[in-house]
Protein backbone atom coordinates (compact mmCIF):
# COMPACT_ATOMS: atom_id res chain seq x y z
CA UNK A 1 8.18 -21.42 -8.47
CA UNK A 2 5.93 -19.79 -5.88
CA UNK A 3 5.71 -16.63 -7.96
CA UNK A 4 4.19 -18.60 -10.85
CA UNK A 5 0.80 -18.87 -9.11
CA UNK A 6 -1.69 -16.79 -11.06
CA UNK A 7 -3.60 -13.88 -9.59
CA UNK A 8 -6.81 -15.81 -10.21
CA UNK A 9 -5.54 -18.68 -8.05
CA UNK A 10 -4.34 -16.31 -5.32
CA UNK A 11 -7.74 -14.60 -5.36
CA UNK A 12 -9.62 -17.90 -5.10
CA UNK A 13 -7.49 -19.02 -2.15
CA UNK A 14 -7.96 -15.69 -0.40
CA UNK A 15 -11.73 -15.88 -0.96
CA UNK A 16 -11.81 -19.43 0.41
CA UNK A 17 -9.90 -18.28 3.49
CA UNK A 18 -12.28 -15.36 4.02
CA UNK A 19 -15.29 -17.65 3.64
CA UNK A 20 -13.91 -20.10 6.19
CA UNK A 21 -13.67 -17.24 8.70
CA UNK A 22 -17.15 -15.97 7.82
CA UNK A 23 -18.76 -19.27 8.71
CA UNK A 24 -21.17 -18.76 11.58
CA UNK A 25 -20.47 -15.02 11.72
CA UNK A 26 -21.66 -13.43 8.46
CA UNK A 27 -23.99 -14.37 5.62
CA UNK A 28 -22.27 -12.00 3.17
CA UNK A 29 -19.55 -9.39 3.14
CA UNK A 30 -20.33 -6.09 1.41
CA UNK A 31 -17.07 -4.37 0.47
CA UNK A 32 -16.78 -0.92 -1.09
CA UNK A 33 -13.17 0.08 -0.28
CA UNK A 34 -10.38 -0.94 -2.62
CA UNK A 35 -8.22 -2.09 0.29
CA UNK A 36 -11.02 -4.47 1.29
CA UNK A 37 -11.47 -6.35 -1.96
CA UNK A 38 -8.39 -5.85 -4.16
CA UNK A 39 -6.72 -9.16 -3.27
CA UNK A 40 -9.99 -11.07 -3.51
CA UNK A 41 -11.08 -10.10 -7.03
CA UNK A 42 -8.06 -8.17 -8.44
CA UNK A 43 -10.06 -5.49 -10.21
CA UNK A 44 -8.20 -2.80 -12.21
CA UNK A 45 -5.68 -0.98 -10.05
CA UNK A 46 -5.98 2.61 -11.20
CA UNK A 47 -8.45 2.58 -14.04
CA UNK A 48 -11.89 3.99 -13.34
CA UNK A 49 -14.50 3.22 -12.43
CA UNK A 50 -13.66 0.80 -9.68
CA UNK A 51 -16.53 -1.38 -8.40
CA UNK A 52 -19.16 0.26 -6.27
CA UNK A 53 -19.65 -2.97 -4.35
CA UNK A 54 -18.12 -6.42 -4.02
CA UNK A 55 -20.36 -9.05 -2.44
CA UNK A 56 -18.68 -12.10 -0.91
CA UNK A 57 -21.20 -14.87 -0.12
CA UNK A 58 -20.51 -17.80 2.17
CA UNK A 59 -20.00 -20.04 -0.85
CA UNK A 60 -18.92 -19.50 -4.43
CA UNK A 61 -17.16 -16.65 -6.18
CA UNK A 62 -17.63 -12.98 -5.22
CA UNK A 63 -19.96 -10.72 -7.19
CA UNK A 64 -18.98 -7.27 -8.47
CA UNK A 65 -21.50 -4.47 -8.91
CA UNK A 66 -20.01 -1.72 -11.10
CA UNK A 67 -21.04 1.17 -13.29
CA UNK A 68 -22.05 0.16 -16.79
CA UNK A 69 -19.35 2.39 -18.25
CA UNK A 70 -16.71 0.16 -16.67
CA UNK A 71 -18.41 -3.17 -17.33
CA UNK A 72 -16.20 -4.33 -20.24
CA UNK A 73 -13.03 -3.37 -18.37
CA UNK A 74 -14.22 -5.35 -15.37
CA UNK A 75 -14.89 -8.39 -17.53
CA UNK A 76 -11.37 -8.19 -18.96
CA UNK A 77 -9.44 -7.78 -15.71
CA UNK A 78 -11.41 -8.86 -12.64
CA UNK A 79 -10.76 -12.38 -11.40
CA UNK A 80 -14.38 -13.52 -11.19
CA UNK A 81 -16.66 -15.31 -13.69
CA UNK A 82 -18.30 -13.01 -16.22
CA UNK A 83 -21.72 -13.95 -14.84
CA UNK A 84 -20.67 -12.46 -11.49
CA UNK A 85 -20.17 -8.94 -12.87
CA UNK A 86 -23.33 -6.82 -12.67
CA UNK A 87 -23.71 -3.39 -14.26
CA UNK A 88 -25.80 -0.50 -13.00
CA UNK A 89 -26.46 2.98 -14.36
CA UNK A 90 -25.81 5.93 -12.01
CA UNK A 91 -28.74 7.92 -13.35
CA UNK A 92 -32.38 8.45 -12.49
CA UNK A 93 -34.26 5.43 -13.83
CA UNK A 94 -37.58 6.14 -12.15
CA UNK A 95 -38.97 7.88 -15.25
CA UNK A 96 -39.58 6.64 -18.76
CA UNK A 97 -36.47 6.64 -20.90
CA UNK A 98 -34.06 5.74 -18.13
CA UNK A 99 -30.79 4.27 -19.34
CA UNK A 100 -30.86 1.05 -17.36
CA UNK A 101 -31.13 -0.56 -13.95
CA UNK A 102 -30.18 1.47 -10.90
CA UNK A 103 -27.68 0.42 -8.26
CA UNK A 104 -30.49 -0.44 -5.85
CA UNK A 105 -32.35 -2.61 -8.38
CA UNK A 106 -29.17 -4.46 -9.39
CA UNK A 107 -28.39 -5.21 -5.75
CA UNK A 108 -31.97 -6.37 -5.18
CA UNK A 109 -31.83 -8.70 -8.18
CA UNK A 110 -28.46 -10.04 -7.08
CA UNK A 111 -29.69 -11.02 -3.66
CA UNK A 112 -32.76 -12.64 -5.19
CA UNK A 113 -30.39 -14.61 -7.43
CA UNK A 114 -28.21 -15.67 -4.51
CA UNK A 115 -31.28 -17.15 -2.75
CA UNK A 116 -29.81 -16.80 0.74
CA UNK A 117 -31.28 -15.46 3.94
CA UNK A 118 -29.17 -12.46 4.90
CA UNK A 119 -29.26 -11.61 8.57
CA UNK A 120 -25.66 -10.49 9.11
CA UNK A 121 -23.73 -8.32 6.66
CA UNK A 122 -19.98 -7.82 7.16
CA UNK A 123 -18.58 -4.37 6.35
CA UNK A 124 -14.96 -3.27 6.61
CA UNK A 125 -15.44 -0.40 9.05
CA UNK A 126 -11.71 0.37 8.97
CA UNK A 127 -11.76 1.51 5.33
CA UNK A 128 -15.42 2.09 4.43
CA UNK A 129 -16.70 5.67 4.35
CA UNK A 130 -19.73 6.64 6.40
CA UNK A 131 -21.64 7.34 3.18
CA UNK A 132 -21.01 3.82 1.92
CA UNK A 133 -21.98 2.29 5.26
CA UNK A 134 -25.26 4.18 4.95
CA UNK A 135 -25.67 2.93 1.37
CA UNK A 136 -25.17 -0.69 2.46
CA UNK A 137 -27.60 -0.32 5.36
CA UNK A 138 -30.22 1.19 3.06
CA UNK A 139 -29.94 -1.28 0.19
CA UNK A 140 -28.95 -4.63 1.73
CA UNK A 141 -31.03 -6.77 4.06
CA UNK A 142 -29.67 -7.71 7.46
CA UNK A 143 -27.69 -6.11 10.25
CA UNK A 144 -24.35 -4.50 9.42
CA UNK A 145 -21.34 -5.45 11.56
CA UNK A 146 -17.58 -4.97 11.30
CA UNK A 147 -15.64 -7.66 9.38
CA UNK A 148 -12.22 -5.96 9.25
CA UNK A 149 -10.68 -8.54 11.60
CA UNK A 150 -11.41 -11.28 9.04
CA UNK A 151 -9.72 -9.36 6.24
CA UNK A 152 -6.73 -8.55 8.42
CA UNK A 153 -6.28 -12.21 9.30
CA UNK A 154 -6.27 -13.16 5.62
CA UNK A 155 -4.10 -10.35 4.27
CA UNK A 156 -1.61 -9.41 7.02
CA UNK A 157 0.86 -12.22 6.18
CA UNK A 158 1.39 -12.67 2.43
CA UNK A 159 1.74 -16.16 1.04
CA UNK A 160 5.10 -17.01 -0.62
CA UNK A 161 3.83 -16.34 -4.15
CA UNK A 162 2.66 -12.92 -3.00
CA UNK A 163 6.09 -12.20 -1.48
CA UNK A 164 7.63 -12.88 -4.89
CA UNK A 165 5.41 -10.19 -6.37
CA UNK A 166 6.51 -7.79 -3.63
CA UNK A 167 10.12 -8.60 -4.54
CA UNK A 168 9.38 -7.60 -8.12
CA UNK A 169 7.81 -4.35 -6.96
CA UNK A 170 10.90 -3.68 -4.81
CA UNK A 171 13.20 -4.06 -7.79
CA UNK A 172 10.98 -1.69 -9.79
CA UNK A 173 11.13 0.87 -6.96
CA UNK A 174 14.93 0.67 -7.04
CA UNK A 175 14.90 1.34 -10.78
CA UNK A 176 12.93 4.51 -10.11
CA UNK A 177 15.59 5.78 -7.69
CA UNK A 178 18.41 4.88 -10.06
CA UNK A 179 16.71 6.68 -12.94
CA UNK A 180 16.46 9.90 -10.93
CA UNK A 181 20.09 9.72 -9.80
CA UNK A 182 21.24 9.13 -13.38
CA UNK A 183 19.49 12.32 -14.52
CA UNK A 184 19.91 14.42 -11.38
CA UNK A 185 21.20 17.95 -11.89
CA UNK A 186 20.63 21.32 -10.31
CA UNK A 187 17.71 23.25 -11.76
CA UNK A 188 15.39 20.32 -12.40
CA UNK A 189 12.19 20.60 -10.40
CA UNK A 190 10.83 18.06 -7.98
CA UNK A 191 7.98 17.41 -10.44
CA UNK A 192 10.45 16.76 -13.24
CA UNK A 193 12.46 14.31 -11.16
CA UNK A 194 9.27 12.52 -10.10
CA UNK A 195 8.27 12.24 -13.77
CA UNK A 196 11.60 10.56 -14.54
CA UNK A 197 10.97 8.01 -11.78
CA UNK A 198 7.37 7.41 -12.80
CA UNK A 199 8.32 6.88 -16.43
CA UNK A 200 10.98 4.34 -15.51
CA UNK A 201 8.81 2.43 -13.05
CA UNK A 202 5.81 2.40 -15.39
CA UNK A 203 7.98 1.01 -18.19
CA UNK A 204 9.08 -1.72 -15.78
CA UNK A 205 5.50 -2.75 -15.05
CA UNK A 206 4.38 -0.47 -12.24
CA UNK A 207 1.22 1.52 -11.97
CA UNK A 208 2.70 4.46 -10.13
CA UNK A 209 0.54 7.40 -9.13
CA UNK A 210 1.60 10.96 -8.28
CA UNK A 211 0.70 10.62 -4.60
CA UNK A 212 2.98 7.56 -4.41
CA UNK A 213 5.99 9.67 -5.44
CA UNK A 214 7.82 11.85 -2.92
CA UNK A 215 10.67 14.02 -4.22
CA UNK A 216 11.57 16.71 -1.69
CA UNK A 217 14.65 18.92 -1.54
CA UNK A 218 16.17 21.53 0.73
CA UNK A 219 13.54 23.05 3.05
CA UNK A 220 10.89 20.75 1.57
CA UNK A 221 12.83 17.70 2.76
CA UNK A 222 12.05 18.73 6.34
CA UNK A 223 8.41 17.75 5.81
CA UNK A 224 8.12 13.94 5.58
CA UNK A 225 4.60 14.01 4.14
CA UNK A 226 5.06 16.87 1.67
CA UNK A 227 4.05 16.09 -1.90
CA UNK A 228 5.67 17.31 -5.10
CA UNK A 229 6.32 20.94 -5.87
CA UNK A 230 7.75 23.03 -8.69
CA UNK A 231 10.79 23.91 -6.60
CA UNK A 232 14.08 23.40 -8.49
CA UNK A 233 16.66 21.28 -6.67
CA UNK A 234 19.85 23.13 -5.85
CA UNK A 235 23.44 22.05 -5.34
CA UNK A 236 24.23 21.13 -1.74
CA UNK A 237 20.63 20.42 -0.77
CA UNK A 238 19.41 17.23 0.81
CA UNK A 239 17.16 15.34 -1.64
CA UNK A 240 14.77 12.68 -0.35
CA UNK A 241 13.31 10.16 -2.82
CA UNK A 242 10.45 7.96 -1.56
CA UNK A 243 8.63 5.79 -4.11
CA UNK A 244 5.78 3.33 -3.65
CA UNK A 245 5.07 1.55 -6.95
CA UNK A 246 2.43 -1.14 -7.26
CA UNK A 247 3.24 -4.05 -9.57
CA UNK A 248 0.74 -6.81 -10.29
CA UNK A 249 -1.43 -5.55 -7.38
CA UNK A 250 1.35 -5.64 -4.75
CA UNK A 251 3.36 -2.61 -3.66
CA UNK A 252 6.85 -2.02 -2.35
CA UNK A 253 8.27 1.10 -0.71
CA UNK A 254 11.75 2.58 -0.89
CA UNK A 255 13.39 5.78 0.34
CA UNK A 256 16.89 7.04 -0.33
CA UNK A 257 18.55 10.39 0.40
CA UNK A 258 21.44 12.12 -1.37
CA UNK A 259 23.03 15.57 -1.43
CA UNK A 260 22.65 17.26 -4.81
CA UNK A 261 25.81 17.77 -6.85
CA UNK A 262 28.45 17.84 -4.11
CA UNK A 263 29.84 16.07 -1.05
CA UNK A 264 27.71 16.43 2.09
CA UNK A 265 28.75 18.85 4.79
CA UNK A 266 29.89 17.44 8.11
CA UNK A 267 26.44 18.12 9.59
CA UNK A 268 24.68 16.45 6.64
CA UNK A 269 27.01 13.47 6.81
CA UNK A 270 26.44 13.03 10.53
CA UNK A 271 22.70 13.02 9.93
CA UNK A 272 23.03 10.55 7.06
CA UNK A 273 25.18 8.15 9.07
CA UNK A 274 22.87 8.32 12.08
CA UNK A 275 19.84 7.37 9.97
CA UNK A 276 21.80 4.69 8.12
CA UNK A 277 23.00 3.13 11.38
CA UNK A 278 19.49 3.35 12.80
CA UNK A 279 18.18 1.27 9.90
CA UNK A 280 20.99 -1.25 10.37
CA UNK A 281 20.25 -1.37 14.11
CA UNK A 282 16.57 -2.12 13.48
CA UNK A 283 17.49 -4.73 10.87
CA UNK A 284 19.63 -6.54 13.46
CA UNK A 285 16.89 -6.38 16.10
CA UNK A 286 13.86 -7.33 13.99
CA UNK A 287 12.46 -10.81 14.53
CA UNK A 288 9.10 -12.55 14.85
CA UNK A 289 7.54 -12.19 18.27
CA UNK A 290 8.27 -8.50 18.75
CA UNK A 291 5.35 -6.12 19.02
CA UNK A 292 5.21 -3.31 16.48
CA UNK A 293 5.42 -0.72 19.25
CA UNK A 294 8.58 -2.38 20.61
CA UNK A 295 10.28 -1.87 17.25
CA UNK A 296 9.23 1.78 17.28
CA UNK A 297 10.70 2.16 20.79
CA UNK A 298 14.00 0.58 19.67
CA UNK A 299 14.36 3.20 16.96
CA UNK A 300 13.55 6.13 19.20
CA UNK A 301 16.00 4.96 21.88
CA UNK A 302 18.69 4.70 19.21
CA UNK A 303 18.08 8.26 18.01
CA UNK A 304 17.94 9.58 21.58
CA UNK A 305 21.28 7.94 22.40
CA UNK A 306 22.74 9.48 19.23
CA UNK A 307 21.70 12.96 20.35
CA UNK A 308 18.57 13.29 18.21
CA UNK A 309 15.86 12.79 20.81
CA UNK A 310 12.52 13.98 19.40
CA UNK A 311 13.84 14.64 15.89
CA UNK A 312 12.20 11.53 14.37
CA UNK A 313 8.72 12.87 13.68
CA UNK A 314 7.38 9.98 11.60
CA UNK A 315 6.37 6.39 12.20
CA UNK A 316 9.08 3.73 12.07
CA UNK A 317 7.47 1.63 9.35
CA UNK A 318 4.43 -0.16 7.99
CA UNK A 319 3.22 -3.23 6.15
CA UNK A 320 4.27 -3.80 2.54
CA UNK A 321 2.34 -5.47 -0.26
CA UNK A 322 -1.02 -4.33 1.07
CA UNK A 323 -2.29 -2.12 3.88
CA UNK A 324 -3.40 -4.83 6.32
CA UNK A 325 -0.22 -5.57 8.23
CA UNK A 326 1.16 -3.73 11.25
CA UNK A 327 1.94 -0.04 11.57
CA UNK A 328 5.27 0.34 13.34
CA UNK A 329 4.18 3.02 15.79
CA UNK A 330 4.01 3.48 19.56
CA UNK A 331 0.27 2.71 19.42
CA UNK A 332 0.36 -0.65 17.61
CA UNK A 333 0.66 -3.64 19.93
CA UNK A 334 0.24 -6.24 17.16
CA UNK A 335 2.83 -9.00 17.04
CA UNK A 336 5.23 -9.40 14.14
CA UNK A 337 5.07 -12.91 12.74
CA UNK A 338 7.14 -14.97 10.33
CA UNK A 339 6.26 -14.26 6.71
CA UNK A 340 5.21 -10.64 7.19
CA UNK A 341 6.79 -8.02 4.93
CA UNK A 342 7.33 -4.62 6.50
CA UNK A 343 9.04 -1.39 5.50
CA UNK A 344 11.36 0.27 8.01
CA UNK A 345 11.95 3.97 7.31
CA UNK A 346 13.91 5.85 9.97
CA UNK A 347 14.20 9.56 9.31
CA UNK A 348 15.57 12.74 10.86
CA UNK A 349 14.55 16.27 9.92
CA UNK A 350 16.73 19.13 11.17
CA UNK A 351 16.33 22.83 10.35
CA UNK A 352 19.38 24.21 8.55
CA UNK A 353 20.59 20.73 7.54
CA UNK A 354 17.69 19.03 5.81
CA UNK A 355 15.80 15.78 5.99
CA UNK A 356 17.19 12.26 5.70
CA UNK A 357 15.05 9.16 5.24
CA UNK A 358 16.33 5.70 4.29
CA UNK A 359 13.82 2.89 3.81
CA UNK A 360 14.07 -0.81 3.01
CA UNK A 361 11.50 -3.59 2.85
CA UNK A 362 12.09 -6.69 4.99
CA UNK A 363 10.67 -10.21 4.98
CA UNK A 364 10.47 -11.61 8.51
CA UNK A 365 12.07 -15.06 8.64
CA UNK A 366 12.12 -17.62 11.44
CA UNK A 367 15.11 -15.99 13.15
CA UNK A 368 15.39 -12.48 11.73
CA UNK A 369 14.79 -10.65 8.47
CA UNK A 370 15.77 -10.64 4.82
CA UNK A 371 16.02 -7.32 2.98
CA UNK A 372 14.17 -7.26 -0.33
CA UNK A 373 16.33 -4.34 -1.54
CA UNK A 374 19.78 -4.43 -3.14
CA UNK A 375 20.27 -0.72 -3.86
CA UNK A 376 22.99 0.87 -1.65
CA UNK A 377 21.64 2.64 1.41
CA UNK A 378 24.59 4.91 2.18
CA UNK A 379 23.84 8.29 0.53
CA UNK A 380 27.51 8.76 -0.42
CA UNK A 381 27.88 5.29 -1.94
CA UNK A 382 24.54 5.74 -3.70
CA UNK A 383 25.74 8.97 -5.34
CA UNK A 384 28.94 7.48 -6.79
């Protein structure tokens, strides 16, 4: 089965692909952002400290430079040879009694060990902070240039064995929604409901984090980016659940909306059905060859024709599995291609009624899409 390929094998193939694209352009890549190196070396997802630097040479396995306090953890989990993990001490070592080698000295020794002439250093400008760009320029030889296009080429379309991991994450996300609905009652707070989801998803293999859990109710549901609060949910309110668990280094994203404890009002039901039909409309239109911005325009035309022009205040969707695929917005002209996995999340947010967001993850096939979700989308069916 495709999903049987180990993370170590996936990492090696991704590194080989990156190195083939580096040829003639960069001598090394210097990566400090988690999005840049996660699917090359598969370091710990949440545990700290993450590497300070991942060096990808033109040949051979990447090297990880990490704090000494995380060295053993890195040896246990990172998908590189033990000899390629290098520890530094984030303290002043310029005086007698220093604890160990500094970051700068470890990097210097590493490049001496690599025995390569470094003229061009690739840095992921899209995700790297200005402070870390400065660090790389100060401590590495060579001229720093942007390498984000290489990483996007490698990561934007997951290989089949990676899609299988996204499928697993999708099923875990669904379990989180089901757990909340099983325990849902008036008076529980948004934090408490999020804790129920996180507990269920973590038990199923996810590493869910608080900022990956959206539970918003009533007036809070009108804000699509609002985080958790201590507000109790109340009967008759719209409740939006949006969970993004990461399983085995690949994430899925789901959103479902219900009305708490009672049947929806006519206005709530109209809003629910409009969003539901919008998702179905996009599902029927999605296919390889469309530009991301064309998909966004399809959704907004649908809402405008339904009488909700301007009431969709969020993007239409985004890549799933990692952060390198398209953003489904009016500004993204990138082409959707077969094998991509994207989330589509139409939403409407109306004062006096509440917010509704319904989100599924889709694999683009040769002639359309396949949904990776099986959980009912209709808020009424979902509540039964």
